[in-house]
Amino acid sequence: MIDKHRHCGCAPGLNRRAALAGMGCAGLASAFGTAPASARATVSRPRAADESFMRLALAEAAKGDFPFGAVIVRAGKIAAAGRNSGIRTNDPTAHGEMVAIRNFCASRPAAELKGATIYTTGEPCPMCMGAILWSGFGRLVYAASIEQLSTRIGQIMTPSKSLAEAAPFETIDITGGVLAAEALALFK
Protein backbone atom coordinates (compact mmCIF):
# COMPACT_ATOMS: atom_id res chain seq x y z
CA MET A 1 0.00 0.00 0.00
CA ILE A 2 1.27 3.46 -0.86
CA ASP A 3 1.45 5.89 2.04
CA LYS A 4 0.05 8.98 0.34
CA HIS A 5 0.69 11.05 3.46
CA ARG A 6 4.40 10.28 3.71
CA HIS A 7 5.73 13.31 1.86
CA CYS A 8 3.15 15.93 2.77
CA GLY A 9 3.28 15.37 6.52
CA CYS A 10 -0.53 15.25 6.78
CA ALA A 11 -2.30 13.09 9.27
CA PRO A 12 -4.53 10.41 7.71
CA GLY A 13 -8.00 11.77 7.05
CA LEU A 14 -6.86 15.41 6.98
CA ASN A 15 -7.65 17.25 3.79
CA ARG A 16 -4.56 19.44 3.49
CA ARG A 17 -6.03 21.80 0.88
CA ALA A 18 -9.15 22.44 2.91
CA ALA A 19 -7.13 22.97 6.08
CA LEU A 20 -4.73 25.38 4.39
CA ALA A 21 -7.51 27.27 2.65
CA GLY A 22 -9.50 27.62 5.85
CA MET A 23 -6.69 28.32 8.27
CA GLY A 24 -3.67 29.46 6.32
CA CYS A 25 -0.21 28.08 7.05
CA ALA A 26 0.20 29.96 10.34
CA GLY A 27 -3.22 28.78 11.56
CA LEU A 28 -2.50 25.21 10.59
CA ALA A 29 0.86 25.35 12.34
CA SER A 30 -0.70 26.68 15.53
CA ALA A 31 -3.39 23.98 15.34
CA PHE A 32 -0.66 21.36 15.47
CA GLY A 33 1.41 23.28 18.03
CA THR A 34 4.34 23.96 15.71
CA ALA A 35 5.75 27.04 14.08
CA PRO A 36 5.72 27.27 10.27
CA ALA A 37 8.68 25.46 8.79
CA SER A 38 11.28 27.50 6.99
CA ALA A 39 13.60 26.21 4.32
CA ARG A 40 17.31 26.41 4.87
CA ALA A 41 19.73 26.46 1.99
CA THR A 42 23.21 27.65 2.71
CA VAL A 43 25.75 28.58 0.10
CA SER A 44 29.31 27.69 1.01
CA ARG A 45 32.82 27.81 -0.38
CA PRO A 46 34.50 24.74 -1.89
CA ARG A 47 36.25 22.28 0.42
CA ALA A 48 39.61 20.59 -0.05
CA ALA A 49 38.25 17.31 -1.50
CA ASP A 50 35.69 18.91 -3.84
CA GLU A 51 37.94 19.09 -6.91
CA SER A 52 38.93 15.42 -6.75
CA PHE A 53 35.32 14.24 -6.44
CA MET A 54 34.23 16.66 -9.18
CA ARG A 55 36.89 15.19 -11.49
CA LEU A 56 35.20 11.80 -11.03
CA ALA A 57 31.84 13.37 -11.94
CA LEU A 58 33.48 14.94 -15.01
CA ALA A 59 34.80 11.51 -16.04
CA GLU A 60 31.23 10.15 -15.80
CA ALA A 61 29.94 13.11 -17.81
CA ALA A 62 32.42 12.45 -20.62
CA LYS A 63 30.80 9.01 -21.11
CA GLY A 64 27.19 10.27 -21.09
CA ASP A 65 24.71 10.93 -23.84
CA PHE A 66 24.97 14.58 -22.78
CA PRO A 67 27.95 15.74 -20.72
CA PHE A 68 26.34 15.48 -17.30
CA GLY A 69 27.71 13.20 -14.61
CA ALA A 70 27.29 12.80 -10.87
CA VAL A 71 28.86 10.99 -7.95
CA ILE A 72 27.44 10.39 -4.50
CA VAL A 73 29.86 10.51 -1.58
CA ARG A 74 29.24 9.13 1.92
CA ALA A 75 31.84 9.21 4.66
CA GLY A 76 34.51 10.39 2.21
CA LYS A 77 33.99 7.49 -0.21
CA ILE A 78 32.22 7.13 -3.56
CA ALA A 79 28.92 5.33 -2.96
CA ALA A 80 27.45 5.61 -6.49
CA ALA A 81 27.91 7.32 -9.82
CA GLY A 82 25.75 8.14 -12.80
CA ARG A 83 25.83 9.79 -16.20
CA ASN A 84 23.17 11.09 -18.52
CA SER A 85 21.75 8.17 -20.47
CA GLY A 86 18.50 9.65 -21.74
CA ILE A 87 19.08 8.78 -25.40
CA ARG A 88 20.47 5.29 -24.80
CA THR A 89 17.64 4.32 -22.46
CA ASN A 90 14.86 6.35 -24.12
CA ASP A 91 14.25 7.93 -20.70
CA PRO A 92 14.07 11.72 -20.46
CA THR A 93 14.52 11.46 -16.68
CA ALA A 94 17.88 9.67 -16.95
CA HIS A 95 19.92 12.71 -15.95
CA GLY A 96 23.27 12.12 -14.25
CA GLU A 97 21.93 12.88 -10.77
CA MET A 98 18.85 10.68 -11.22
CA VAL A 99 20.94 7.78 -12.51
CA ALA A 100 23.38 8.13 -9.59
CA ILE A 101 20.50 8.11 -7.09
CA ARG A 102 18.95 5.05 -8.80
CA ASN A 103 22.32 3.27 -8.82
CA PHE A 104 22.77 4.01 -5.11
CA CYS A 105 19.29 2.74 -4.24
CA ALA A 106 19.76 -0.43 -6.30
CA SER A 107 22.22 -1.74 -3.71
CA ARG A 108 21.60 0.27 -0.52
CA PRO A 109 18.67 1.63 1.47
CA ALA A 110 17.54 5.03 0.21
CA ALA A 111 17.65 6.27 3.81
CA GLU A 112 21.46 6.15 3.57
CA LEU A 113 21.33 9.12 1.18
CA LYS A 114 20.43 11.31 4.17
CA GLY A 115 23.35 13.65 4.79
CA ALA A 116 25.41 12.42 1.80
CA THR A 117 27.02 14.76 -0.75
CA ILE A 118 26.22 14.72 -4.45
CA TYR A 119 28.72 16.14 -6.95
CA THR A 120 27.32 17.03 -10.34
CA THR A 121 28.86 18.63 -13.41
CA GLY A 122 25.92 20.98 -13.92
CA GLU A 123 23.64 22.78 -11.50
CA PRO A 124 20.67 20.44 -11.13
CA CYS A 125 17.50 21.04 -13.11
CA PRO A 126 14.27 21.31 -11.08
CA MET A 127 13.54 17.58 -11.48
CA CYS A 128 16.97 16.55 -10.21
CA MET A 129 17.01 19.15 -7.44
CA GLY A 130 13.64 17.90 -6.28
CA ALA A 131 15.01 14.36 -6.13
CA ILE A 132 18.09 15.61 -4.26
CA LEU A 133 15.89 17.33 -1.68
CA TRP A 134 13.49 14.37 -1.32
CA SER A 135 16.52 12.09 -0.84
CA GLY A 136 17.79 14.19 2.06
CA PHE A 137 21.26 14.99 0.75
CA GLY A 138 23.16 17.22 3.15
CA ARG A 139 25.28 18.85 0.49
CA LEU A 140 25.20 19.61 -3.23
CA VAL A 141 28.35 20.54 -5.16
CA TYR A 142 28.04 21.51 -8.81
CA ALA A 143 30.41 22.69 -11.52
CA ALA A 144 28.66 24.87 -14.14
CA SER A 145 25.68 26.98 -13.08
CA ILE A 146 22.33 26.92 -14.86
CA GLU A 147 23.15 30.36 -16.23
CA GLN A 148 26.47 29.11 -17.64
CA LEU A 149 24.84 25.96 -19.06
CA SER A 150 22.17 28.05 -20.79
CA THR A 151 24.89 29.49 -23.04
CA ARG A 152 25.41 25.94 -24.43
CA ILE A 153 22.03 24.18 -24.19
CA GLY A 154 18.45 24.90 -23.17
CA GLN A 155 17.83 25.12 -19.44
CA ILE A 156 14.94 25.69 -17.06
CA MET A 157 16.19 28.86 -15.43
CA THR A 158 15.46 27.97 -11.81
CA PRO A 159 18.55 27.92 -9.59
CA SER A 160 18.96 25.06 -7.13
CA LYS A 161 19.01 27.48 -4.19
CA SER A 162 15.51 28.73 -5.12
CA LEU A 163 14.14 25.19 -5.06
CA ALA A 164 15.93 24.39 -1.81
CA GLU A 165 14.43 27.47 -0.18
CA ALA A 166 10.98 26.25 -1.21
CA ALA A 167 11.50 22.93 0.61
CA PRO A 168 10.76 23.56 4.30
CA PHE A 169 11.40 19.92 5.19
CA GLU A 170 15.13 19.85 4.41
CA THR A 171 18.39 21.71 4.94
CA ILE A 172 21.09 21.55 2.28
CA ASP A 173 24.49 23.15 1.82
CA ILE A 174 25.18 24.24 -1.78
CA THR A 175 28.58 24.88 -3.36
CA GLY A 176 28.76 25.95 -6.99
CA GLY A 177 31.45 26.66 -9.55
CA VAL A 178 33.84 23.78 -8.76
CA LEU A 179 35.70 23.11 -12.07
CA ALA A 180 32.99 24.94 -14.02
CA ALA A 181 35.28 25.71 -16.99
CA GLU A 182 36.14 22.01 -17.34
CA ALA A 183 32.47 21.05 -17.27
CA LEU A 184 31.58 23.62 -19.91
CA ALA A 185 34.45 22.42 -22.11
CA LEU A 186 32.69 19.04 -22.45
CA PHE A 187 30.05 20.73 -24.61
CA LYS A 188 31.48 20.64 -28.11
C-alpha atoms as a PDB file:
ATOM      1  CA  MET A   1       0.000   0.000   0.000  1.00  0.00           C
ATOM      2  CA  ILE A   2       1.275   3.463  -0.855  1.00  0.00           C
ATOM      3  CA  ASP A   3       1.450   5.892   2.037  1.00  0.00           C
ATOM      4  CA  LYS A   4       0.052   8.978   0.337  1.00  0.00           C
ATOM      5  CA  HIS A   5       0.691  11.049   3.459  1.00  0.00           C
ATOM      6  CA  ARG A   6       4.403  10.279   3.711  1.00  0.00           C
ATOM      7  CA  HIS A   7       5.730  13.311   1.861  1.00  0.00           C
ATOM      8  CA  CYS A   8       3.155  15.931   2.771  1.00  0.00           C
ATOM      9  CA  GLY A   9       3.279  15.366   6.523  1.00  0.00           C
ATOM     10  CA  CYS A  10      -0.533  15.254   6.781  1.00  0.00           C
ATOM     11  CA  ALA A  11      -2.300  13.093   9.268  1.00  0.00           C
ATOM     12  CA  PRO A  12      -4.532  10.409   7.715  1.00  0.00           C
ATOM     13  CA  GLY A  13      -7.996  11.768   7.051  1.00  0.00           C
ATOM     14  CA  LEU A  14      -6.860  15.410   6.984  1.00  0.00           C
ATOM     15  CA  ASN A  15      -7.646  17.245   3.786  1.00  0.00           C
ATOM     16  CA  ARG A  16      -4.557  19.439   3.488  1.00  0.00           C
ATOM     17  CA  ARG A  17      -6.031  21.802   0.884  1.00  0.00           C
ATOM     18  CA  ALA A  18      -9.145  22.440   2.910  1.00  0.00           C
ATOM     19  CA  ALA A  19      -7.134  22.971   6.082  1.00  0.00           C
ATOM     20  CA  LEU A  20      -4.735  25.376   4.394  1.00  0.00           C
ATOM     21  CA  ALA A  21      -7.513  27.267   2.655  1.00  0.00           C
ATOM     22  CA  GLY A  22      -9.495  27.617   5.848  1.00  0.00           C
ATOM     23  CA  MET A  23      -6.686  28.321   8.268  1.00  0.00           C
ATOM     24  CA  GLY A  24      -3.674  29.463   6.323  1.00  0.00           C
ATOM     25  CA  CYS A  25      -0.212  28.082   7.050  1.00  0.00           C
ATOM     26  CA  ALA A  26       0.196  29.959  10.336  1.00  0.00           C
ATOM     27  CA  GLY A  27      -3.218  28.785  11.562  1.00  0.00           C
ATOM     28  CA  LEU A  28      -2.498  25.208  10.586  1.00  0.00           C
ATOM     29  CA  ALA A  29       0.864  25.345  12.343  1.00  0.00           C
ATOM     30  CA  SER A  30      -0.697  26.681  15.527  1.00  0.00           C
ATOM     31  CA  ALA A  31      -3.391  23.984  15.343  1.00  0.00           C
ATOM     32  CA  PHE A  32      -0.658  21.358  15.469  1.00  0.00           C
ATOM     33  CA  GLY A  33       1.408  23.277  18.027  1.00  0.00           C
ATOM     34  CA  THR A  34       4.336  23.961  15.713  1.00  0.00           C
ATOM     35  CA  ALA A  35       5.754  27.038  14.078  1.00  0.00           C
ATOM     36  CA  PRO A  36       5.717  27.273  10.267  1.00  0.00           C
ATOM     37  CA  ALA A  37       8.676  25.457   8.794  1.00  0.00           C
ATOM     38  CA  SER A  38      11.285  27.497   6.995  1.00  0.00           C
ATOM     39  CA  ALA A  39      13.598  26.214   4.317  1.00  0.00           C
ATOM     40  CA  ARG A  40      17.307  26.406   4.875  1.00  0.00           C
ATOM     41  CA  ALA A  41      19.725  26.458   1.988  1.00  0.00           C
ATOM     42  CA  THR A  42      23.214  27.650   2.711  1.00  0.00           C
ATOM     43  CA  VAL A  43      25.752  28.583   0.095  1.00  0.00           C
ATOM     44  CA  SER A  44      29.309  27.686   1.015  1.00  0.00           C
ATOM     45  CA  ARG A  45      32.816  27.809  -0.378  1.00  0.00           C
ATOM     46  CA  PRO A  46      34.501  24.737  -1.892  1.00  0.00           C
ATOM     47  CA  ARG A  47      36.245  22.279   0.419  1.00  0.00           C
ATOM     48  CA  ALA A  48      39.612  20.589  -0.051  1.00  0.00           C
ATOM     49  CA  ALA A  49      38.247  17.313  -1.504  1.00  0.00           C
ATOM     50  CA  ASP A  50      35.693  18.913  -3.838  1.00  0.00           C
ATOM     51  CA  GLU A  51      37.942  19.092  -6.908  1.00  0.00           C
ATOM     52  CA  SER A  52      38.935  15.425  -6.754  1.00  0.00           C
ATOM     53  CA  PHE A  53      35.323  14.240  -6.439  1.00  0.00           C
ATOM     54  CA  MET A  54      34.230  16.656  -9.176  1.00  0.00           C
ATOM     55  CA  ARG A  55      36.888  15.187 -11.487  1.00  0.00           C
ATOM     56  CA  LEU A  56      35.195  11.804 -11.030  1.00  0.00           C
ATOM     57  CA  ALA A  57      31.841  13.372 -11.936  1.00  0.00           C
ATOM     58  CA  LEU A  58      33.482  14.942 -15.015  1.00  0.00           C
ATOM     59  CA  ALA A  59      34.800  11.507 -16.042  1.00  0.00           C
ATOM     60  CA  GLU A  60      31.232  10.145 -15.801  1.00  0.00           C
ATOM     61  CA  ALA A  61      29.941  13.107 -17.809  1.00  0.00           C
ATOM     62  CA  ALA A  62      32.422  12.453 -20.618  1.00  0.00           C
ATOM     63  CA  LYS A  63      30.801   9.014 -21.106  1.00  0.00           C
ATOM     64  CA  GLY A  64      27.195  10.266 -21.086  1.00  0.00           C
ATOM     65  CA  ASP A  65      24.713  10.935 -23.845  1.00  0.00           C
ATOM     66  CA  PHE A  66      24.965  14.577 -22.779  1.00  0.00           C
ATOM     67  CA  PRO A  67      27.945  15.737 -20.717  1.00  0.00           C
ATOM     68  CA  PHE A  68      26.340  15.477 -17.305  1.00  0.00           C
ATOM     69  CA  GLY A  69      27.710  13.203 -14.609  1.00  0.00           C
ATOM     70  CA  ALA A  70      27.291  12.805 -10.870  1.00  0.00           C
ATOM     71  CA  VAL A  71      28.865  10.986  -7.950  1.00  0.00           C
ATOM     72  CA  ILE A  72      27.443  10.388  -4.498  1.00  0.00           C
ATOM     73  CA  VAL A  73      29.865  10.511  -1.578  1.00  0.00           C
ATOM     74  CA  ARG A  74      29.240   9.127   1.916  1.00  0.00           C
ATOM     75  CA  ALA A  75      31.836   9.215   4.664  1.00  0.00           C
ATOM     76  CA  GLY A  76      34.505  10.386   2.211  1.00  0.00           C
ATOM     77  CA  LYS A  77      33.986   7.487  -0.215  1.00  0.00           C
ATOM     78  CA  ILE A  78      32.218   7.132  -3.559  1.00  0.00           C
ATOM     79  CA  ALA A  79      28.921   5.333  -2.960  1.00  0.00           C
ATOM     80  CA  ALA A  80      27.451   5.605  -6.487  1.00  0.00           C
ATOM     81  CA  ALA A  81      27.914   7.316  -9.821  1.00  0.00           C
ATOM     82  CA  GLY A  82      25.754   8.137 -12.802  1.00  0.00           C
ATOM     83  CA  ARG A  83      25.833   9.792 -16.203  1.00  0.00           C
ATOM     84  CA  ASN A  84      23.166  11.093 -18.523  1.00  0.00           C
ATOM     85  CA  SER A  85      21.751   8.165 -20.467  1.00  0.00           C
ATOM     86  CA  GLY A  86      18.499   9.655 -21.743  1.00  0.00           C
ATOM     87  CA  ILE A  87      19.082   8.778 -25.398  1.00  0.00           C
ATOM     88  CA  ARG A  88      20.471   5.295 -24.797  1.00  0.00           C
ATOM     89  CA  THR A  89      17.638   4.317 -22.461  1.00  0.00           C
ATOM     90  CA  ASN A  90      14.864   6.350 -24.119  1.00  0.00           C
ATOM     91  CA  ASP A  91      14.247   7.929 -20.705  1.00  0.00           C
ATOM     92  CA  PRO A  92      14.073  11.722 -20.462  1.00  0.00           C
ATOM     93  CA  THR A  93      14.517  11.460 -16.677  1.00  0.00           C
ATOM     94  CA  ALA A  94      17.879   9.668 -16.955  1.00  0.00           C
ATOM     95  CA  HIS A  95      19.924  12.712 -15.952  1.00  0.00           C
ATOM     96  CA  GLY A  96      23.272  12.115 -14.252  1.00  0.00           C
ATOM     97  CA  GLU A  97      21.929  12.880 -10.769  1.00  0.00           C
ATOM     98  CA  MET A  98      18.846  10.684 -11.221  1.00  0.00           C
ATOM     99  CA  VAL A  99      20.942   7.778 -12.513  1.00  0.00           C
ATOM    100  CA  ALA A 100      23.385   8.129  -9.591  1.00  0.00           C
ATOM    101  CA  ILE A 101      20.499   8.107  -7.088  1.00  0.00           C
ATOM    102  CA  ARG A 102      18.949   5.051  -8.799  1.00  0.00           C
ATOM    103  CA  ASN A 103      22.324   3.275  -8.818  1.00  0.00           C
ATOM    104  CA  PHE A 104      22.769   4.012  -5.107  1.00  0.00           C
ATOM    105  CA  CYS A 105      19.285   2.744  -4.243  1.00  0.00           C
ATOM    106  CA  ALA A 106      19.760  -0.428  -6.298  1.00  0.00           C
ATOM    107  CA  SER A 107      22.221  -1.738  -3.714  1.00  0.00           C
ATOM    108  CA  ARG A 108      21.596   0.269  -0.524  1.00  0.00           C
ATOM    109  CA  PRO A 109      18.675   1.631   1.473  1.00  0.00           C
ATOM    110  CA  ALA A 110      17.536   5.031   0.211  1.00  0.00           C
ATOM    111  CA  ALA A 111      17.650   6.266   3.813  1.00  0.00           C
ATOM    112  CA  GLU A 112      21.462   6.155   3.570  1.00  0.00           C
ATOM    113  CA  LEU A 113      21.331   9.124   1.176  1.00  0.00           C
ATOM    114  CA  LYS A 114      20.434  11.311   4.167  1.00  0.00           C
ATOM    115  CA  GLY A 115      23.353  13.651   4.788  1.00  0.00           C
ATOM    116  CA  ALA A 116      25.405  12.424   1.799  1.00  0.00           C
ATOM    117  CA  THR A 117      27.017  14.760  -0.745  1.00  0.00           C
ATOM    118  CA  ILE A 118      26.223  14.721  -4.450  1.00  0.00           C
ATOM    119  CA  TYR A 119      28.719  16.139  -6.952  1.00  0.00           C
ATOM    120  CA  THR A 120      27.321  17.029 -10.342  1.00  0.00           C
ATOM    121  CA  THR A 121      28.857  18.628 -13.408  1.00  0.00           C
ATOM    122  CA  GLY A 122      25.919  20.980 -13.916  1.00  0.00           C
ATOM    123  CA  GLU A 123      23.643  22.775 -11.499  1.00  0.00           C
ATOM    124  CA  PRO A 124      20.668  20.435 -11.133  1.00  0.00           C
ATOM    125  CA  CYS A 125      17.495  21.040 -13.105  1.00  0.00           C
ATOM    126  CA  PRO A 126      14.265  21.312 -11.080  1.00  0.00           C
ATOM    127  CA  MET A 127      13.543  17.575 -11.482  1.00  0.00           C
ATOM    128  CA  CYS A 128      16.973  16.554 -10.214  1.00  0.00           C
ATOM    129  CA  MET A 129      17.013  19.154  -7.444  1.00  0.00           C
ATOM    130  CA  GLY A 130      13.641  17.904  -6.284  1.00  0.00           C
ATOM    131  CA  ALA A 131      15.012  14.359  -6.128  1.00  0.00           C
ATOM    132  CA  ILE A 132      18.094  15.607  -4.258  1.00  0.00           C
ATOM    133  CA  LEU A 133      15.885  17.326  -1.678  1.00  0.00           C
ATOM    134  CA  TRP A 134      13.493  14.372  -1.318  1.00  0.00           C
ATOM    135  CA  SER A 135      16.517  12.090  -0.845  1.00  0.00           C
ATOM    136  CA  GLY A 136      17.794  14.193   2.061  1.00  0.00           C
ATOM    137  CA  PHE A 137      21.260  14.989   0.750  1.00  0.00           C
ATOM    138  CA  GLY A 138      23.156  17.220   3.148  1.00  0.00           C
ATOM    139  CA  ARG A 139      25.276  18.848   0.486  1.00  0.00           C
ATOM    140  CA  LEU A 140      25.203  19.606  -3.234  1.00  0.00           C
ATOM    141  CA  VAL A 141      28.355  20.535  -5.156  1.00  0.00           C
ATOM    142  CA  TYR A 142      28.044  21.509  -8.805  1.00  0.00           C
ATOM    143  CA  ALA A 143      30.412  22.695 -11.516  1.00  0.00           C
ATOM    144  CA  ALA A 144      28.659  24.871 -14.136  1.00  0.00           C
ATOM    145  CA  SER A 145      25.682  26.980 -13.082  1.00  0.00           C
ATOM    146  CA  ILE A 146      22.335  26.923 -14.865  1.00  0.00           C
ATOM    147  CA  GLU A 147      23.150  30.357 -16.235  1.00  0.00           C
ATOM    148  CA  GLN A 148      26.474  29.111 -17.644  1.00  0.00           C
ATOM    149  CA  LEU A 149      24.845  25.964 -19.059  1.00  0.00           C
ATOM    150  CA  SER A 150      22.171  28.049 -20.787  1.00  0.00           C
ATOM    151  CA  THR A 151      24.887  29.487 -23.044  1.00  0.00           C
ATOM    152  CA  ARG A 152      25.413  25.940 -24.428  1.00  0.00           C
ATOM    153  CA  ILE A 153      22.027  24.185 -24.190  1.00  0.00           C
ATOM    154  CA  GLY A 154      18.447  24.899 -23.170  1.00  0.00           C
ATOM    155  CA  GLN A 155      17.827  25.117 -19.440  1.00  0.00           C
ATOM    156  CA  ILE A 156      14.937  25.686 -17.058  1.00  0.00           C
ATOM    157  CA  MET A 157      16.192  28.861 -15.426  1.00  0.00           C
ATOM    158  CA  THR A 158      15.459  27.965 -11.809  1.00  0.00           C
ATOM    159  CA  PRO A 159      18.554  27.923  -9.592  1.00  0.00           C
ATOM    160  CA  SER A 160      18.960  25.057  -7.130  1.00  0.00           C
ATOM    161  CA  LYS A 161      19.005  27.484  -4.193  1.00  0.00           C
ATOM    162  CA  SER A 162      15.510  28.730  -5.119  1.00  0.00           C
ATOM    163  CA  LEU A 163      14.136  25.193  -5.057  1.00  0.00           C
ATOM    164  CA  ALA A 164      15.934  24.390  -1.807  1.00  0.00           C
ATOM    165  CA  GLU A 165      14.432  27.473  -0.177  1.00  0.00           C
ATOM    166  CA  ALA A 166      10.976  26.254  -1.212  1.00  0.00           C
ATOM    167  CA  ALA A 167      11.496  22.931   0.613  1.00  0.00           C
ATOM    168  CA  PRO A 168      10.762  23.561   4.300  1.00  0.00           C
ATOM    169  CA  PHE A 169      11.402  19.922   5.195  1.00  0.00           C
ATOM    170  CA  GLU A 170      15.130  19.849   4.414  1.00  0.00           C
ATOM    171  CA  THR A 171      18.389  21.711   4.941  1.00  0.00           C
ATOM    172  CA  ILE A 172      21.086  21.551   2.278  1.00  0.00           C
ATOM    173  CA  ASP A 173      24.493  23.153   1.817  1.00  0.00           C
ATOM    174  CA  ILE A 174      25.180  24.241  -1.781  1.00  0.00           C
ATOM    175  CA  THR A 175      28.576  24.881  -3.355  1.00  0.00           C
ATOM    176  CA  GLY A 176      28.764  25.950  -6.993  1.00  0.00           C
ATOM    177  CA  GLY A 177      31.453  26.662  -9.552  1.00  0.00           C
ATOM    178  CA  VAL A 178      33.838  23.780  -8.762  1.00  0.00           C
ATOM    179  CA  LEU A 179      35.699  23.115 -12.069  1.00  0.00           C
ATOM    180  CA  ALA A 180      32.986  24.936 -14.024  1.00  0.00           C
ATOM    181  CA  ALA A 181      35.276  25.710 -16.991  1.00  0.00           C
ATOM    182  CA  GLU A 182      36.140  22.006 -17.343  1.00  0.00           C
ATOM    183  CA  ALA A 183      32.466  21.047 -17.266  1.00  0.00           C
ATOM    184  CA  LEU A 184      31.580  23.622 -19.912  1.00  0.00           C
ATOM    185  CA  ALA A 185      34.454  22.417 -22.107  1.00  0.00           C
ATOM    186  CA  LEU A 186      32.687  19.037 -22.450  1.00  0.00           C
ATOM    187  CA  PHE A 187      30.047  20.731 -24.608  1.00  0.00           C
ATOM    188  CA  LYS A 188      31.484  20.638 -28.107  1.00  0.00           C
END
